[in-house]
Amino acid sequence: MSETWVVPELDVRLFDADRWAPYTERCRSAGLRLTTFAELGDSAENRRPLYELNSNCAAVRCGSHGVRREHRGAGVAVAMKVHGMGFAGLCGVHRVRTMHHAANTKAITMNRMLGCADADRQESED
């Protein structure tokens, strides 16, 4: 049985982070911190909470960005994506691609809303 994957792609140089600033500000106002390992330090101590979050989210199939159930629907995934695009730009990355199962319409819609275009669709054998 094959599965279809959607591959949204974004040119980071054309991404307007200011347009999406209300999402990041709302998260910060709610006490959520958007950060990177570059800022925190890439250590086992700092990776442990991320591992636990992703393990928890994988159990409920919420995706690899790891938005906890109590924060879903509040724009946290958008804020995380915006923060990530900003970091990618700082690192000199010009193009970002992600991959979603075709049934993950929320993630696909979010990426398109942010300006991603579908790079291609990929079929995989299960």
PDB file of N, CA and C in Angstrom:
ATOM      1  N   MET A   1       0.848  -1.173   0.000  1.00  0.00           N
ATOM      2  CA  MET A   1       0.000   0.000   0.000  1.00  0.00           C
ATOM      3  C   MET A   1       0.896   1.240   0.000  1.00  0.00           C
ATOM      4  N   SER A   2       0.606   2.187  -0.871  1.00  0.00           N
ATOM      5  CA  SER A   2       1.436   3.390  -0.926  1.00  0.00           C
ATOM      6  C   SER A   2       0.747   4.538  -0.185  1.00  0.00           C
ATOM      7  N   GLU A   3       1.556   5.460   0.280  1.00  0.00           N
ATOM      8  CA  GLU A   3       1.064   6.652   0.959  1.00  0.00           C
ATOM      9  C   GLU A   3       1.522   7.872   0.185  1.00  0.00           C
ATOM     10  N   THR A   4       0.723   8.926   0.219  1.00  0.00           N
ATOM     11  CA  THR A   4       1.072  10.162  -0.463  1.00  0.00           C
ATOM     12  C   THR A   4       1.531  11.191   0.557  1.00  0.00           C
ATOM     13  N   TRP A   5       2.620  11.866   0.232  1.00  0.00           N
ATOM     14  CA  TRP A   5       3.192  12.900   1.095  1.00  0.00           C
ATOM     15  C   TRP A   5       3.202  14.217   0.346  1.00  0.00           C
ATOM     16  N   VAL A   6       2.856  15.280   1.029  1.00  0.00           N
ATOM     17  CA  VAL A   6       2.890  16.630   0.463  1.00  0.00           C
ATOM     18  C   VAL A   6       4.160  17.291   0.977  1.00  0.00           C
ATOM     19  N   VAL A   7       4.865  17.988   0.087  1.00  0.00           N
ATOM     20  CA  VAL A   7       6.149  18.599   0.429  1.00  0.00           C
ATOM     21  C   VAL A   7       6.070  20.116   0.215  1.00  0.00           C
ATOM     22  N   PRO A   8       5.619  20.856   1.243  1.00  0.00           N
ATOM     23  CA  PRO A   8       5.595  22.310   1.131  1.00  0.00           C
ATOM     24  C   PRO A   8       7.014  22.880   1.185  1.00  0.00           C
ATOM     25  N   GLU A   9       7.242  23.929   0.415  1.00  0.00           N
ATOM     26  CA  GLU A   9       8.570  24.542   0.328  1.00  0.00           C
ATOM     27  C   GLU A   9       8.411  26.056   0.415  1.00  0.00           C
ATOM     28  N   LEU A  10       9.362  26.713   1.087  1.00  0.00           N
ATOM     29  CA  LEU A  10       9.305  28.161   1.260  1.00  0.00           C
ATOM     30  C   LEU A  10      10.670  28.776   0.997  1.00  0.00           C
ATOM     31  N   ASP A  11      10.681  29.868   0.260  1.00  0.00           N
ATOM     32  CA  ASP A  11      11.901  30.647   0.070  1.00  0.00           C
ATOM     33  C   ASP A  11      12.020  31.571   1.274  1.00  0.00           C
ATOM     34  N   VAL A  12      12.951  31.287   2.158  1.00  0.00           N
ATOM     35  CA  VAL A  12      13.120  32.016   3.416  1.00  0.00           C
ATOM     36  C   VAL A  12      13.406  33.491   3.163  1.00  0.00           C
ATOM     37  N   ARG A  13      14.092  33.795   2.076  1.00  0.00           N
ATOM     38  CA  ARG A  13      14.439  35.191   1.776  1.00  0.00           C
ATOM     39  C   ARG A  13      13.215  36.047   1.497  1.00  0.00           C
ATOM     40  N   LEU A  14      12.129  35.428   1.074  1.00  0.00           N
ATOM     41  CA  LEU A  14      10.903  36.157   0.757  1.00  0.00           C
ATOM     42  C   LEU A  14       9.881  36.122   1.892  1.00  0.00           C
ATOM     43  N   PHE A  15      10.200  35.407   2.956  1.00  0.00           N
ATOM     44  CA  PHE A  15       9.264  35.227   4.072  1.00  0.00           C
ATOM     45  C   PHE A  15       9.150  36.515   4.884  1.00  0.00           C
ATOM     46  N   ASP A  16       7.920  36.969   5.116  1.00  0.00           N
ATOM     47  CA  ASP A  16       7.655  38.192   5.868  1.00  0.00           C
ATOM     48  C   ASP A  16       7.280  37.836   7.310  1.00  0.00           C
ATOM     49  N   ALA A  17       8.288  37.706   8.169  1.00  0.00           N
ATOM     50  CA  ALA A  17       8.057  37.321   9.562  1.00  0.00           C
ATOM     51  C   ALA A  17       7.225  38.359  10.310  1.00  0.00           C
ATOM     52  N   ASP A  18       7.362  39.627   9.955  1.00  0.00           N
ATOM     53  CA  ASP A  18       6.605  40.681  10.642  1.00  0.00           C
ATOM     54  C   ASP A  18       5.099  40.482  10.507  1.00  0.00           C
ATOM     55  N   ARG A  19       4.687  39.945   9.390  1.00  0.00           N
ATOM     56  CA  ARG A  19       3.261  39.689   9.163  1.00  0.00           C
ATOM     57  C   ARG A  19       2.697  38.717  10.197  1.00  0.00           C
ATOM     58  N   TRP A  20       3.542  37.807  10.671  1.00  0.00           N
ATOM     59  CA  TRP A  20       3.110  36.755  11.590  1.00  0.00           C
ATOM     60  C   TRP A  20       3.504  37.037  13.034  1.00  0.00           C
ATOM     61  N   ALA A  21       4.059  38.220  13.307  1.00  0.00           N
ATOM     62  CA  ALA A  21       4.506  38.580  14.659  1.00  0.00           C
ATOM     63  C   ALA A  21       3.409  38.441  15.718  1.00  0.00           C
ATOM     64  N   PRO A  22       2.145  38.732  15.421  1.00  0.00           N
ATOM     65  CA  PRO A  22       1.116  38.555  16.460  1.00  0.00           C
ATOM     66  C   PRO A  22       1.063  37.136  17.035  1.00  0.00           C
ATOM     67  N   TYR A  23       1.397  36.141  16.228  1.00  0.00           N
ATOM     68  CA  TYR A  23       1.400  34.764  16.730  1.00  0.00           C
ATOM     69  C   TYR A  23       2.509  34.557  17.758  1.00  0.00           C
ATOM     70  N   THR A  24       3.693  35.039  17.447  1.00  0.00           N
ATOM     71  CA  THR A  24       4.802  34.871  18.388  1.00  0.00           C
ATOM     72  C   THR A  24       4.581  35.713  19.640  1.00  0.00           C
ATOM     73  N   GLU A  25       4.036  36.910  19.477  1.00  0.00           N
ATOM     74  CA  GLU A  25       3.764  37.764  20.639  1.00  0.00           C
ATOM     75  C   GLU A  25       2.703  37.142  21.543  1.00  0.00           C
ATOM     76  N   ARG A  26       1.675  36.554  20.949  1.00  0.00           N
ATOM     77  CA  ARG A  26       0.629  35.905  21.737  1.00  0.00           C
ATOM     78  C   ARG A  26       1.209  34.742  22.546  1.00  0.00           C
ATOM     79  N   CYS A  27       2.110  33.980  21.949  1.00  0.00           N
ATOM     80  CA  CYS A  27       2.748  32.874  22.669  1.00  0.00           C
ATOM     81  C   CYS A  27       3.581  33.394  23.834  1.00  0.00           C
ATOM     82  N   ARG A  28       4.369  34.411  23.560  1.00  0.00           N
ATOM     83  CA  ARG A  28       5.197  34.981  24.627  1.00  0.00           C
ATOM     84  C   ARG A  28       4.334  35.541  25.752  1.00  0.00           C
ATOM     85  N   SER A  29       3.237  36.188  25.407  1.00  0.00           N
ATOM     86  CA  SER A  29       2.330  36.735  26.416  1.00  0.00           C
ATOM     87  C   SER A  29       1.710  35.629  27.265  1.00  0.00           C
ATOM     88  N   ALA A  30       1.560  34.456  26.672  1.00  0.00           N
ATOM     89  CA  ALA A  30       1.002  33.305  27.393  1.00  0.00           C
ATOM     90  C   ALA A  30       2.067  32.569  28.200  1.00  0.00           C
ATOM     91  N   GLY A  31       3.303  33.077  28.163  1.00  0.00           N
ATOM     92  CA  GLY A  31       4.377  32.457  28.933  1.00  0.00           C
ATOM     93  C   GLY A  31       5.142  31.372  28.200  1.00  0.00           C
ATOM     94  N   LEU A  32       4.909  31.240  26.899  1.00  0.00           N
ATOM     95  CA  LEU A  32       5.637  30.247  26.113  1.00  0.00           C
ATOM     96  C   LEU A  32       6.911  30.876  25.565  1.00  0.00           C
ATOM     97  N   ARG A  33       7.983  30.118  25.584  1.00  0.00           N
ATOM     98  CA  ARG A  33       9.275  30.615  25.115  1.00  0.00           C
ATOM     99  C   ARG A  33       9.650  29.910  23.824  1.00  0.00           C
ATOM    100  N   LEU A  34       9.936  30.694  22.806  1.00  0.00           N
ATOM    101  CA  LEU A  34      10.411  30.156  21.531  1.00  0.00           C
ATOM    102  C   LEU A  34      11.921  30.324  21.513  1.00  0.00           C
ATOM    103  N   THR A  35      12.640  29.220  21.337  1.00  0.00           N
ATOM    104  CA  THR A  35      14.097  29.261  21.409  1.00  0.00           C
ATOM    105  C   THR A  35      14.696  28.202  20.495  1.00  0.00           C
ATOM    106  N   THR A  36      16.000  28.145  20.463  1.00  0.00           N
ATOM    107  CA  THR A  36      16.723  27.149  19.668  1.00  0.00           C
ATOM    108  C   THR A  36      17.833  26.542  20.520  1.00  0.00           C
ATOM    109  N   PHE A  37      18.349  25.424  20.078  1.00  0.00           N
ATOM    110  CA  PHE A  37      19.503  24.853  20.765  1.00  0.00           C
ATOM    111  C   PHE A  37      20.722  25.755  20.624  1.00  0.00           C
ATOM    112  N   ALA A  38      20.772  26.515  19.543  1.00  0.00           N
ATOM    113  CA  ALA A  38      21.880  27.463  19.379  1.00  0.00           C
ATOM    114  C   ALA A  38      21.878  28.471  20.522  1.00  0.00           C
ATOM    115  N   GLU A  39      20.691  28.869  20.959  1.00  0.00           N
ATOM    116  CA  GLU A  39      20.570  29.817  22.065  1.00  0.00           C
ATOM    117  C   GLU A  39      20.744  29.141  23.420  1.00  0.00           C
ATOM    118  N   LEU A  40      20.133  27.987  23.588  1.00  0.00           N
ATOM    119  CA  LEU A  40      20.161  27.291  24.874  1.00  0.00           C
ATOM    120  C   LEU A  40      21.473  26.552  25.141  1.00  0.00           C
ATOM    121  N   GLY A  41      22.042  26.034  24.066  1.00  0.00           N
ATOM    122  CA  GLY A  41      23.176  25.123  24.196  1.00  0.00           C
ATOM    123  C   GLY A  41      22.690  23.717  23.907  1.00  0.00           C
ATOM    124  N   ASP A  42      23.361  23.042  23.013  1.00  0.00           N
ATOM    125  CA  ASP A  42      22.946  21.703  22.597  1.00  0.00           C
ATOM    126  C   ASP A  42      23.555  20.682  23.552  1.00  0.00           C
ATOM    127  N   SER A  43      22.830  20.419  24.628  1.00  0.00           N
ATOM    128  CA  SER A  43      23.308  19.483  25.641  1.00  0.00           C
ATOM    129  C   SER A  43      22.227  18.449  25.926  1.00  0.00           C
ATOM    130  N   ALA A  44      22.617  17.357  26.549  1.00  0.00           N
ATOM    131  CA  ALA A  44      21.652  16.325  26.924  1.00  0.00           C
ATOM    132  C   ALA A  44      20.600  16.908  27.862  1.00  0.00           C
ATOM    133  N   GLU A  45      21.018  17.776  28.748  1.00  0.00           N
ATOM    134  CA  GLU A  45      20.093  18.410  29.695  1.00  0.00           C
ATOM    135  C   GLU A  45      19.021  19.227  28.959  1.00  0.00           C
ATOM    136  N   ASN A  46      19.415  19.923  27.906  1.00  0.00           N
ATOM    137  CA  ASN A  46      18.456  20.730  27.151  1.00  0.00           C
ATOM    138  C   ASN A  46      17.661  19.907  26.147  1.00  0.00           C
ATOM    139  N   ARG A  47      18.192  18.785  25.714  1.00  0.00           N
ATOM    140  CA  ARG A  47      17.469  17.937  24.764  1.00  0.00           C
ATOM    141  C   ARG A  47      16.398  17.084  25.450  1.00  0.00           C
ATOM    142  N   ARG A  48      16.579  16.765  26.716  1.00  0.00           N
ATOM    143  CA  ARG A  48      15.663  15.874  27.427  1.00  0.00           C
ATOM    144  C   ARG A  48      14.209  16.347  27.382  1.00  0.00           C
ATOM    145  N   PRO A  49      13.917  17.628  27.697  1.00  0.00           N
ATOM    146  CA  PRO A  49      12.507  18.066  27.634  1.00  0.00           C
ATOM    147  C   PRO A  49      11.911  17.963  26.228  1.00  0.00           C
ATOM    148  N   LEU A  50      12.715  18.220  25.211  1.00  0.00           N
ATOM    149  CA  LEU A  50      12.227  18.091  23.841  1.00  0.00           C
ATOM    150  C   LEU A  50      11.922  16.626  23.521  1.00  0.00           C
ATOM    151  N   TYR A  51      12.799  15.741  23.938  1.00  0.00           N
ATOM    152  CA  TYR A  51      12.568  14.311  23.737  1.00  0.00           C
ATOM    153  C   TYR A  51      11.266  13.884  24.412  1.00  0.00           C
ATOM    154  N   GLU A  52      11.059  14.337  25.652  1.00  0.00           N
ATOM    155  CA  GLU A  52       9.846  13.974  26.379  1.00  0.00           C
ATOM    156  C   GLU A  52       8.605  14.550  25.710  1.00  0.00           C
ATOM    157  N   LEU A  53       8.690  15.786  25.249  1.00  0.00           N
ATOM    158  CA  LEU A  53       7.567  16.408  24.557  1.00  0.00           C
ATOM    159  C   LEU A  53       7.238  15.649  23.281  1.00  0.00           C
ATOM    160  N   ASN A  54       8.250  15.341  22.472  1.00  0.00           N
ATOM    161  CA  ASN A  54       8.010  14.627  21.223  1.00  0.00           C
ATOM    162  C   ASN A  54       7.496  13.220  21.471  1.00  0.00           C
ATOM    163  N   SER A  55       7.978  12.558  22.516  1.00  0.00           N
ATOM    164  CA  SER A  55       7.475  11.221  22.851  1.00  0.00           C
ATOM    165  C   SER A  55       6.013  11.288  23.229  1.00  0.00           C
ATOM    166  N   ASN A  56       5.654  12.300  24.011  1.00  0.00           N
ATOM    167  CA  ASN A  56       4.270  12.491  24.418  1.00  0.00           C
ATOM    168  C   ASN A  56       3.394  12.788  23.213  1.00  0.00           C
ATOM    169  N   CYS A  57       3.844  13.660  22.339  1.00  0.00           N
ATOM    170  CA  CYS A  57       3.038  14.033  21.175  1.00  0.00           C
ATOM    171  C   CYS A  57       2.935  12.895  20.173  1.00  0.00           C
ATOM    172  N   ALA A  58       4.003  12.131  20.007  1.00  0.00           N
ATOM    173  CA  ALA A  58       3.962  11.010  19.074  1.00  0.00           C
ATOM    174  C   ALA A  58       2.893  10.006  19.499  1.00  0.00           C
ATOM    175  N   ALA A  59       2.694   9.883  20.810  1.00  0.00           N
ATOM    176  CA  ALA A  59       1.699   8.939  21.313  1.00  0.00           C
ATOM    177  C   ALA A  59       0.287   9.362  20.932  1.00  0.00           C
ATOM    178  N   VAL A  60       0.074  10.660  20.716  1.00  0.00           N
ATOM    179  CA  VAL A  60      -1.253  11.129  20.337  1.00  0.00           C
ATOM    180  C   VAL A  60      -1.278  11.631  18.897  1.00  0.00           C
ATOM    181  N   ARG A  61      -0.197  11.390  18.167  1.00  0.00           N
ATOM    182  CA  ARG A  61      -0.102  11.724  16.749  1.00  0.00           C
ATOM    183  C   ARG A  61      -0.302  13.218  16.457  1.00  0.00           C
ATOM    184  N   CYS A  62       0.348  14.084  17.234  1.00  0.00           N
ATOM    185  CA  CYS A  62       0.166  15.516  16.969  1.00  0.00           C
ATOM    186  C   CYS A  62       1.269  16.078  16.095  1.00  0.00           C
ATOM    187  N   GLY A  63       2.227  15.292  15.708  1.00  0.00           N
ATOM    188  CA  GLY A  63       3.250  15.785  14.794  1.00  0.00           C
ATOM    189  C   GLY A  63       4.558  16.096  15.479  1.00  0.00           C
ATOM    190  N   SER A  64       5.576  16.314  14.674  1.00  0.00           N
ATOM    191  CA  SER A  64       6.915  16.472  15.227  1.00  0.00           C
ATOM    192  C   SER A  64       7.177  17.840  15.818  1.00  0.00           C
ATOM    193  N   HIS A  65       6.329  18.829  15.525  1.00  0.00           N
ATOM    194  CA  HIS A  65       6.571  20.131  16.138  1.00  0.00           C
ATOM    195  C   HIS A  65       6.227  20.112  17.618  1.00  0.00           C
ATOM    196  N   GLY A  66       5.447  19.170  18.064  1.00  0.00           N
ATOM    197  CA  GLY A  66       5.217  18.950  19.480  1.00  0.00           C
ATOM    198  C   GLY A  66       4.413  20.017  20.189  1.00  0.00           C
ATOM    199  N   VAL A  67       3.237  20.349  19.698  1.00  0.00           N
ATOM    200  CA  VAL A  67       2.366  21.277  20.426  1.00  0.00           C
ATOM    201  C   VAL A  67       1.498  20.458  21.363  1.00  0.00           C
ATOM    202  N   ARG A  68       1.635  20.730  22.642  1.00  0.00           N
ATOM    203  CA  ARG A  68       0.835  20.000  23.622  1.00  0.00           C
ATOM    204  C   ARG A  68      -0.646  20.311  23.450  1.00  0.00           C
ATOM    205  N   ARG A  69      -1.432  19.333  23.809  1.00  0.00           N
ATOM    206  CA  ARG A  69      -2.881  19.421  23.628  1.00  0.00           C
ATOM    207  C   ARG A  69      -3.462  20.717  24.201  1.00  0.00           C
ATOM    208  N   GLU A  70      -3.010  21.125  25.376  1.00  0.00           N
ATOM    209  CA  GLU A  70      -3.584  22.319  26.013  1.00  0.00           C
ATOM    210  C   GLU A  70      -3.249  23.624  25.282  1.00  0.00           C
ATOM    211  N   HIS A  71      -2.289  23.577  24.352  1.00  0.00           N
ATOM    212  CA  HIS A  71      -1.907  24.778  23.608  1.00  0.00           C
ATOM    213  C   HIS A  71      -2.359  24.744  22.147  1.00  0.00           C
ATOM    214  N   ARG A  72      -2.997  23.674  21.733  1.00  0.00           N
ATOM    215  CA  ARG A  72      -3.419  23.575  20.338  1.00  0.00           C
ATOM    216  C   ARG A  72      -4.541  24.551  20.032  1.00  0.00           C
ATOM    217  N   GLY A  73      -4.549  25.047  18.813  1.00  0.00           N
ATOM    218  CA  GLY A  73      -5.573  25.982  18.390  1.00  0.00           C
ATOM    219  C   GLY A  73      -5.294  27.423  18.785  1.00  0.00           C
ATOM    220  N   ALA A  74      -4.146  27.672  19.406  1.00  0.00           N
ATOM    221  CA  ALA A  74      -3.802  29.024  19.860  1.00  0.00           C
ATOM    222  C   ALA A  74      -2.729  29.669  18.990  1.00  0.00           C
ATOM    223  N   GLY A  75      -2.387  29.030  17.883  1.00  0.00           N
ATOM    224  CA  GLY A  75      -1.382  29.600  16.989  1.00  0.00           C
ATOM    225  C   GLY A  75       0.046  29.256  17.351  1.00  0.00           C
ATOM    226  N   VAL A  76       0.239  28.301  18.256  1.00  0.00           N
ATOM    227  CA  VAL A  76       1.596  27.936  18.690  1.00  0.00           C
ATOM    228  C   VAL A  76       2.388  27.328  17.536  1.00  0.00           C
ATOM    229  N   ALA A  77       1.768  26.459  16.756  1.00  0.00           N
ATOM    230  CA  ALA A  77       2.488  25.849  15.632  1.00  0.00           C
ATOM    231  C   ALA A  77       2.929  26.914  14.625  1.00  0.00           C
ATOM    232  N   VAL A  78       2.067  27.898  14.380  1.00  0.00           N
ATOM    233  CA  VAL A  78       2.435  28.986  13.464  1.00  0.00           C
ATOM    234  C   VAL A  78       3.613  29.765  14.052  1.00  0.00           C
ATOM    235  N   ALA A  79       3.537  30.096  15.331  1.00  0.00           N
ATOM    236  CA  ALA A  79       4.629  30.833  15.984  1.00  0.00           C
ATOM    237  C   ALA A  79       5.938  30.053  15.921  1.00  0.00           C
ATOM    238  N   MET A  80       5.868  28.748  16.142  1.00  0.00           N
ATOM    239  CA  MET A  80       7.076  27.924  16.071  1.00  0.00           C
ATOM    240  C   MET A  80       7.654  27.924  14.662  1.00  0.00           C
ATOM    241  N   LYS A  81       6.785  27.831  13.676  1.00  0.00           N
ATOM    242  CA  LYS A  81       7.235  27.825  12.282  1.00  0.00           C
ATOM    243  C   LYS A  81       7.864  29.173  11.927  1.00  0.00           C
ATOM    244  N   VAL A  82       7.245  30.273  12.358  1.00  0.00           N
ATOM    245  CA  VAL A  82       7.772  31.617  12.098  1.00  0.00           C
ATOM    246  C   VAL A  82       9.143  31.779  12.762  1.00  0.00           C
ATOM    247  N   HIS A  83       9.252  31.335  14.004  1.00  0.00           N
ATOM    248  CA  HIS A  83      10.525  31.410  14.710  1.00  0.00           C
ATOM    249  C   HIS A  83      11.590  30.585  13.980  1.00  0.00           C
ATOM    250  N   GLY A  84      11.202  29.411  13.536  1.00  0.00           N
ATOM    251  CA  GLY A  84      12.126  28.548  12.801  1.00  0.00           C
ATOM    252  C   GLY A  84      12.582  29.156  11.487  1.00  0.00           C
ATOM    253  N   MET A  85      11.673  29.826  10.795  1.00  0.00           N
ATOM    254  CA  MET A  85      12.050  30.491   9.536  1.00  0.00           C
ATOM    255  C   MET A  85      13.041  31.617   9.799  1.00  0.00           C
ATOM    256  N   GLY A  86      12.817  32.347  10.882  1.00  0.00           N
ATOM    257  CA  GLY A  86      13.759  33.408  11.250  1.00  0.00           C
ATOM    258  C   GLY A  86      15.132  32.849  11.537  1.00  0.00           C
ATOM    259  N   PHE A  87      15.182  31.740  12.263  1.00  0.00           N
ATOM    260  CA  PHE A  87      16.458  31.106  12.582  1.00  0.00           C
ATOM    261  C   PHE A  87      17.128  30.568  11.317  1.00  0.00           C
ATOM    262  N   ALA A  88      16.338  29.968  10.436  1.00  0.00           N
ATOM    263  CA  ALA A  88      16.894  29.463   9.173  1.00  0.00           C
ATOM    264  C   ALA A  88      17.535  30.599   8.389  1.00  0.00           C
ATOM    265  N   GLY A  89      16.865  31.751   8.344  1.00  0.00           N
ATOM    266  CA  GLY A  89      17.416  32.909   7.655  1.00  0.00           C
ATOM    267  C   GLY A  89      18.727  33.373   8.271  1.00  0.00           C
ATOM    268  N   LEU A  90      18.796  33.386   9.609  1.00  0.00           N
ATOM    269  CA  LEU A  90      20.036  33.776  10.294  1.00  0.00           C
ATOM    270  C   LEU A  90      21.180  32.820   9.965  1.00  0.00           C
ATOM    271  N   CYS A  91      20.836  31.585   9.696  1.00  0.00           N
ATOM    272  CA  CYS A  91      21.851  30.570   9.379  1.00  0.00           C
ATOM    273  C   CYS A  91      22.220  30.553   7.897  1.00  0.00           C
ATOM    274  N   GLY A  92      21.597  31.432   7.119  1.00  0.00           N
ATOM    275  CA  GLY A  92      21.916  31.504   5.696  1.00  0.00           C
ATOM    276  C   GLY A  92      21.166  30.516   4.832  1.00  0.00           C
ATOM    277  N   VAL A  93      20.139  29.891   5.381  1.00  0.00           N
ATOM    278  CA  VAL A  93      19.330  28.943   4.618  1.00  0.00           C
ATOM    279  C   VAL A  93      18.407  29.738   3.698  1.00  0.00           C
ATOM    280  N   HIS A  94      18.309  29.329   2.455  1.00  0.00           N
ATOM    281  CA  HIS A  94      17.467  30.041   1.494  1.00  0.00           C
ATOM    282  C   HIS A  94      16.132  29.361   1.245  1.00  0.00           C
ATOM    283  N   ARG A  95      16.088  28.056   1.395  1.00  0.00           N
ATOM    284  CA  ARG A  95      14.876  27.312   1.077  1.00  0.00           C
ATOM    285  C   ARG A  95      14.638  26.261   2.159  1.00  0.00           C
ATOM    286  N   VAL A  96      13.393  26.200   2.625  1.00  0.00           N
ATOM    287  CA  VAL A  96      13.017  25.226   3.648  1.00  0.00           C
ATOM    288  C   VAL A  96      11.915  24.343   3.083  1.00  0.00           C
ATOM    289  N   ARG A  97      12.071  23.045   3.288  1.00  0.00           N
ATOM    290  CA  ARG A  97      11.052  22.068   2.895  1.00  0.00           C
ATOM    291  C   ARG A  97      10.641  21.274   4.116  1.00  0.00           C
ATOM    292  N   THR A  98       9.390  20.896   4.126  1.00  0.00           N
ATOM    293  CA  THR A  98       8.889  20.003   5.156  1.00  0.00           C
ATOM    294  C   THR A  98       8.099  18.908   4.450  1.00  0.00           C
ATOM    295  N   MET A  99       7.688  17.912   5.182  1.00  0.00           N
ATOM    296  CA  MET A  99       6.981  16.796   4.554  1.00  0.00           C
ATOM    297  C   MET A  99       5.823  16.391   5.456  1.00  0.00           C
ATOM    298  N   HIS A 100       4.642  16.295   4.861  1.00  0.00           N
ATOM    299  CA  HIS A 100       3.453  15.923   5.626  1.00  0.00           C
ATOM    300  C   HIS A 100       2.688  14.839   4.888  1.00  0.00           C
ATOM    301  N   HIS A 101       2.143  13.926   5.662  1.00  0.00           N
ATOM    302  CA  HIS A 101       1.235  12.948   5.076  1.00  0.00           C
ATOM    303  C   HIS A 101       0.047  13.718   4.505  1.00  0.00           C
ATOM    304  N   ALA A 102      -0.440  13.296   3.354  1.00  0.00           N
ATOM    305  CA  ALA A 102      -1.529  14.007   2.676  1.00  0.00           C
ATOM    306  C   ALA A 102      -2.774  14.157   3.551  1.00  0.00           C
ATOM    307  N   ALA A 103      -2.958  13.281   4.521  1.00  0.00           N
ATOM    308  CA  ALA A 103      -4.115  13.365   5.419  1.00  0.00           C
ATOM    309  C   ALA A 103      -3.945  14.430   6.500  1.00  0.00           C
ATOM    310  N   ASN A 104      -2.740  14.962   6.653  1.00  0.00           N
ATOM    311  CA  ASN A 104      -2.482  15.967   7.686  1.00  0.00           C
ATOM    312  C   ASN A 104      -2.832  17.356   7.143  1.00  0.00           C
ATOM    313  N   THR A 105      -4.109  17.560   6.916  1.00  0.00           N
ATOM    314  CA  THR A 105      -4.561  18.786   6.256  1.00  0.00           C
ATOM    315  C   THR A 105      -4.306  20.041   7.083  1.00  0.00           C
ATOM    316  N   LYS A 106      -4.321  19.939   8.408  1.00  0.00           N
ATOM    317  CA  LYS A 106      -4.058  21.126   9.243  1.00  0.00           C
ATOM    318  C   LYS A 106      -2.638  21.639   9.020  1.00  0.00           C
ATOM    319  N   ALA A 107      -1.665  20.747   9.025  1.00  0.00           N
ATOM    320  CA  ALA A 107      -0.277  21.163   8.818  1.00  0.00           C
ATOM    321  C   ALA A 107      -0.067  21.695   7.403  1.00  0.00           C
ATOM    322  N   ILE A 108      -0.662  21.044   6.430  1.00  0.00           N
ATOM    323  CA  ILE A 108      -0.530  21.476   5.036  1.00  0.00           C
ATOM    324  C   ILE A 108      -1.153  22.861   4.861  1.00  0.00           C
ATOM    325  N   THR A 109      -2.342  23.060   5.423  1.00  0.00           N
ATOM    326  CA  THR A 109      -3.005  24.361   5.346  1.00  0.00           C
ATOM    327  C   THR A 109      -2.174  25.448   6.016  1.00  0.00           C
ATOM    328  N   MET A 110      -1.604  25.150   7.192  1.00  0.00           N
ATOM    329  CA  MET A 110      -0.769  26.119   7.896  1.00  0.00           C
ATOM    330  C   MET A 110       0.428  26.517   7.037  1.00  0.00           C
ATOM    331  N   ASN A 111       1.085  25.550   6.436  1.00  0.00           N
ATOM    332  CA  ASN A 111       2.245  25.853   5.604  1.00  0.00           C
ATOM    333  C   ASN A 111       1.859  26.696   4.396  1.00  0.00           C
ATOM    334  N   ARG A 112       0.752  26.397   3.785  1.00  0.00           N
ATOM    335  CA  ARG A 112       0.296  27.194   2.637  1.00  0.00           C
ATOM    336  C   ARG A 112      -0.064  28.609   3.079  1.00  0.00           C
ATOM    337  N   MET A 113      -0.680  28.739   4.252  1.00  0.00           N
ATOM    338  CA  MET A 113      -1.026  30.050   4.791  1.00  0.00           C
ATOM    339  C   MET A 113       0.234  30.907   4.984  1.00  0.00           C
ATOM    340  N   LEU A 114       1.328  30.272   5.379  1.00  0.00           N
ATOM    341  CA  LEU A 114       2.589  30.979   5.603  1.00  0.00           C
ATOM    342  C   LEU A 114       3.330  31.296   4.307  1.00  0.00           C
ATOM    343  N   GLY A 115       2.833  30.789   3.188  1.00  0.00           N
ATOM    344  CA  GLY A 115       3.441  31.106   1.903  1.00  0.00           C
ATOM    345  C   GLY A 115       4.164  29.965   1.232  1.00  0.00           C
ATOM    346  N   CYS A 116       4.081  28.789   1.796  1.00  0.00           N
ATOM    347  CA  CYS A 116       4.727  27.629   1.172  1.00  0.00           C
ATOM    348  C   CYS A 116       3.968  27.213  -0.080  1.00  0.00           C
ATOM    349  N   ALA A 117       4.711  26.755  -1.053  1.00  0.00           N
ATOM    350  CA  ALA A 117       4.139  26.170  -2.260  1.00  0.00           C
ATOM    351  C   ALA A 117       4.483  24.686  -2.255  1.00  0.00           C
ATOM    352  N   ASP A 118       3.624  23.880  -2.824  1.00  0.00           N
ATOM    353  CA  ASP A 118       3.900  22.445  -2.874  1.00  0.00           C
ATOM    354  C   ASP A 118       5.036  22.188  -3.850  1.00  0.00           C
ATOM    355  N   ALA A 119       6.149  21.674  -3.333  1.00  0.00           N
ATOM    356  CA  ALA A 119       7.296  21.363  -4.175  1.00  0.00           C
ATOM    357  C   ALA A 119       7.001  20.151  -5.040  1.00  0.00           C
ATOM    358  N   ASP A 120       6.455  19.129  -4.423  1.00  0.00           N
ATOM    359  CA  ASP A 120       6.080  17.921  -5.131  1.00  0.00           C
ATOM    360  C   ASP A 120       5.340  17.011  -4.172  1.00  0.00           C
ATOM    361  N   ARG A 121       4.815  15.954  -4.696  1.00  0.00           N
ATOM    362  CA  ARG A 121       4.180  14.920  -3.877  1.00  0.00           C
ATOM    363  C   ARG A 121       5.037  13.668  -4.019  1.00  0.00           C
ATOM    364  N   GLN A 122       5.173  12.964  -2.934  1.00  0.00           N
ATOM    365  CA  GLN A 122       5.981  11.756  -2.975  1.00  0.00           C
ATOM    366  C   GLN A 122       5.142  10.571  -2.550  1.00  0.00           C
ATOM    367  N   GLU A 123       5.337   9.487  -3.232  1.00  0.00           N
ATOM    368  CA  GLU A 123       4.672   8.232  -2.891  1.00  0.00           C
ATOM    369  C   GLU A 123       5.677   7.366  -2.157  1.00  0.00           C
ATOM    370  N   SER A 124       5.207   6.700  -1.121  1.00  0.00           N
ATOM    371  CA  SER A 124       6.077   5.746  -0.424  1.00  0.00           C
ATOM    372  C   SER A 124       5.335   4.437  -0.261  1.00  0.00           C
ATOM    373  N   GLU A 125       6.062   3.374  -0.325  1.00  0.00           N
ATOM    374  CA  GLU A 125       5.488   2.039  -0.131  1.00  0.00           C
ATOM    375  C   GLU A 125       5.524   1.721   1.349  1.00  0.00           C
ATOM    376  N   ASP A 126       4.423   1.233   1.866  1.00  0.00           N
ATOM    377  CA  ASP A 126       4.350   0.857   3.286  1.00  0.00           C
ATOM    378  C   ASP A 126       4.779  -0.552   3.507  1.00  0.00           C
TER     379      ASP A 126
END
